[in-house]
C-alpha cells in the first residue's frame, strides 16, 4: 500500500512527499534534497524527519 509522508526539512519547511517516489524530491523553500529513490520506499536525507504518515 502506497503512502504519503509529511516531512520536515532542516530549514523548518514541512511538505508532503510520495513514499515511493521514483525521482529525487527537493525542498520547495531552500531547494535542499529531501529524499532519494531506492526502488522501494524513499531514503530521507540527513536532517530530514518524518512528521506524519498520511
N, C-alpha and C. Protein backbone atom coordinates (compact mmCIF):
# COMPACT_ATOMS: atom_id res chain seq x y z
N UNK A 1 0.84 -1.18 0.00
CA UNK A 1 0.00 0.00 0.00
C UNK A 1 0.89 1.25 0.00
N UNK A 2 0.67 2.13 -0.93
CA UNK A 2 1.46 3.35 -1.04
C UNK A 2 0.95 4.41 -0.07
N UNK A 3 1.89 5.17 0.46
CA UNK A 3 1.53 6.20 1.42
C UNK A 3 2.26 7.49 1.09
N UNK A 4 1.75 8.55 1.64
CA UNK A 4 2.40 9.83 1.55
C UNK A 4 3.02 10.13 2.91
N UNK A 5 4.10 10.88 2.90
CA UNK A 5 4.79 11.25 4.14
C UNK A 5 4.81 12.76 4.26
N UNK A 6 4.52 13.26 5.45
CA UNK A 6 4.71 14.68 5.73
C UNK A 6 6.08 14.77 6.38
N UNK A 7 7.02 15.45 5.73
CA UNK A 7 8.39 15.53 6.23
C UNK A 7 8.76 16.98 6.54
N UNK A 8 9.75 17.12 7.41
CA UNK A 8 10.22 18.45 7.79
C UNK A 8 11.68 18.59 7.42
N UNK A 9 11.96 19.63 6.66
CA UNK A 9 13.33 19.93 6.22
C UNK A 9 14.07 20.65 7.35
N UNK A 10 15.38 20.70 7.25
CA UNK A 10 16.19 21.40 8.22
C UNK A 10 15.90 22.89 8.29
N UNK A 11 15.35 23.46 7.21
CA UNK A 11 15.02 24.89 7.19
C UNK A 11 13.70 25.18 7.90
N UNK A 12 12.98 24.11 8.30
CA UNK A 12 11.70 24.29 9.01
C UNK A 12 10.49 24.08 8.14
N UNK A 13 10.67 23.97 6.83
CA UNK A 13 9.56 23.76 5.91
C UNK A 13 9.01 22.34 6.05
N UNK A 14 7.69 22.21 6.08
CA UNK A 14 7.04 20.91 6.07
C UNK A 14 6.34 20.74 4.74
N UNK A 15 6.53 19.57 4.11
CA UNK A 15 5.84 19.30 2.86
C UNK A 15 5.52 17.83 2.75
N UNK A 16 4.54 17.51 1.91
CA UNK A 16 4.10 16.14 1.70
C UNK A 16 4.79 15.55 0.48
N UNK A 17 5.33 14.35 0.65
CA UNK A 17 6.00 13.66 -0.46
C UNK A 17 5.43 12.25 -0.58
N UNK A 18 5.58 11.66 -1.76
CA UNK A 18 5.14 10.30 -2.01
C UNK A 18 6.20 9.35 -1.47
N UNK A 19 5.79 8.37 -0.67
CA UNK A 19 6.73 7.47 0.00
C UNK A 19 7.50 6.58 -0.98
N UNK A 20 6.98 6.38 -2.19
CA UNK A 20 7.63 5.50 -3.17
C UNK A 20 7.98 6.28 -4.44
N UNK A 21 8.48 7.47 -4.27
CA UNK A 21 8.83 8.33 -5.40
C UNK A 21 9.92 7.70 -6.26
N UNK A 22 9.84 7.91 -7.56
CA UNK A 22 10.85 7.36 -8.47
C UNK A 22 11.87 8.41 -8.90
N UNK A 23 11.78 9.60 -8.32
CA UNK A 23 12.74 10.66 -8.63
C UNK A 23 13.11 11.40 -7.35
N UNK A 24 14.19 12.15 -7.40
CA UNK A 24 14.63 12.91 -6.23
C UNK A 24 13.60 13.96 -5.87
N UNK A 25 13.45 14.21 -4.57
CA UNK A 25 12.49 15.20 -4.09
C UNK A 25 13.26 16.29 -3.38
N UNK A 26 13.00 17.55 -3.74
CA UNK A 26 13.69 18.68 -3.14
C UNK A 26 12.75 19.56 -2.34
N UNK A 27 13.31 20.30 -1.39
CA UNK A 27 12.54 21.25 -0.59
C UNK A 27 12.09 22.40 -1.47
N UNK A 28 10.85 22.80 -1.32
CA UNK A 28 10.30 23.89 -2.13
C UNK A 28 10.78 25.26 -1.65
N UNK A 29 11.33 25.34 -0.42
CA UNK A 29 11.78 26.62 0.13
C UNK A 29 13.28 26.82 -0.10
N UNK A 30 14.09 25.84 0.33
CA UNK A 30 15.55 26.03 0.26
C UNK A 30 16.22 25.19 -0.83
N UNK A 31 15.46 24.37 -1.54
CA UNK A 31 15.95 23.52 -2.64
C UNK A 31 16.87 22.38 -2.20
N UNK A 32 17.00 22.13 -0.90
CA UNK A 32 17.80 21.01 -0.42
C UNK A 32 17.11 19.70 -0.80
N UNK A 33 17.91 18.68 -1.10
CA UNK A 33 17.35 17.38 -1.43
C UNK A 33 16.76 16.75 -0.17
N UNK A 34 15.48 16.35 -0.24
CA UNK A 34 14.81 15.74 0.90
C UNK A 34 14.87 14.23 0.87
N UNK A 35 14.70 13.65 -0.32
CA UNK A 35 14.63 12.20 -0.42
C UNK A 35 15.16 11.72 -1.77
N UNK A 36 15.73 10.51 -1.75
CA UNK A 36 16.21 9.89 -2.99
C UNK A 36 15.52 8.54 -3.16
N UNK A 37 15.22 8.16 -4.39
CA UNK A 37 14.55 6.87 -4.63
C UNK A 37 15.50 5.70 -4.39
N UNK A 38 14.93 4.58 -3.94
CA UNK A 38 15.74 3.38 -3.70
C UNK A 38 15.18 2.16 -4.41
N UNK A 39 14.06 2.29 -5.07
CA UNK A 39 13.40 1.15 -5.69
C UNK A 39 12.24 0.69 -4.85
N UNK A 40 12.24 1.07 -3.58
CA UNK A 40 11.14 0.79 -2.66
C UNK A 40 10.76 2.13 -2.03
N UNK A 41 10.76 2.20 -0.72
CA UNK A 41 10.46 3.46 -0.06
C UNK A 41 11.65 4.41 -0.18
N UNK A 42 11.39 5.70 -0.27
CA UNK A 42 12.47 6.68 -0.44
C UNK A 42 13.39 6.70 0.78
N UNK A 43 14.63 7.11 0.55
CA UNK A 43 15.59 7.29 1.64
C UNK A 43 15.65 8.78 1.93
N UNK A 44 15.36 9.15 3.17
CA UNK A 44 15.38 10.56 3.55
C UNK A 44 16.81 11.04 3.75
N UNK A 45 17.04 12.28 3.37
CA UNK A 45 18.37 12.89 3.52
C UNK A 45 18.62 13.20 4.99
N UNK A 46 19.88 13.41 5.33
CA UNK A 46 20.26 13.76 6.69
C UNK A 46 19.63 15.09 7.07
N UNK A 47 19.06 15.18 8.26
CA UNK A 47 18.42 16.41 8.72
C UNK A 47 16.95 16.50 8.38
N UNK A 48 16.43 15.51 7.65
CA UNK A 48 15.01 15.48 7.28
C UNK A 48 14.30 14.46 8.18
N UNK A 49 13.16 14.84 8.72
CA UNK A 49 12.45 13.94 9.62
C UNK A 49 11.00 13.77 9.17
N UNK A 50 10.44 12.61 9.50
CA UNK A 50 9.04 12.34 9.18
C UNK A 50 8.18 12.95 10.29
N UNK A 51 7.22 13.78 9.89
CA UNK A 51 6.31 14.39 10.85
C UNK A 51 5.10 13.48 11.04
N UNK A 52 4.58 12.95 9.90
CA UNK A 52 3.37 12.15 9.96
C UNK A 52 3.28 11.28 8.72
N UNK A 53 2.76 10.05 8.87
CA UNK A 53 2.48 9.18 7.73
C UNK A 53 1.02 9.40 7.39
N UNK A 54 0.77 9.80 6.13
CA UNK A 54 -0.61 10.12 5.72
C UNK A 54 -1.23 8.96 4.98
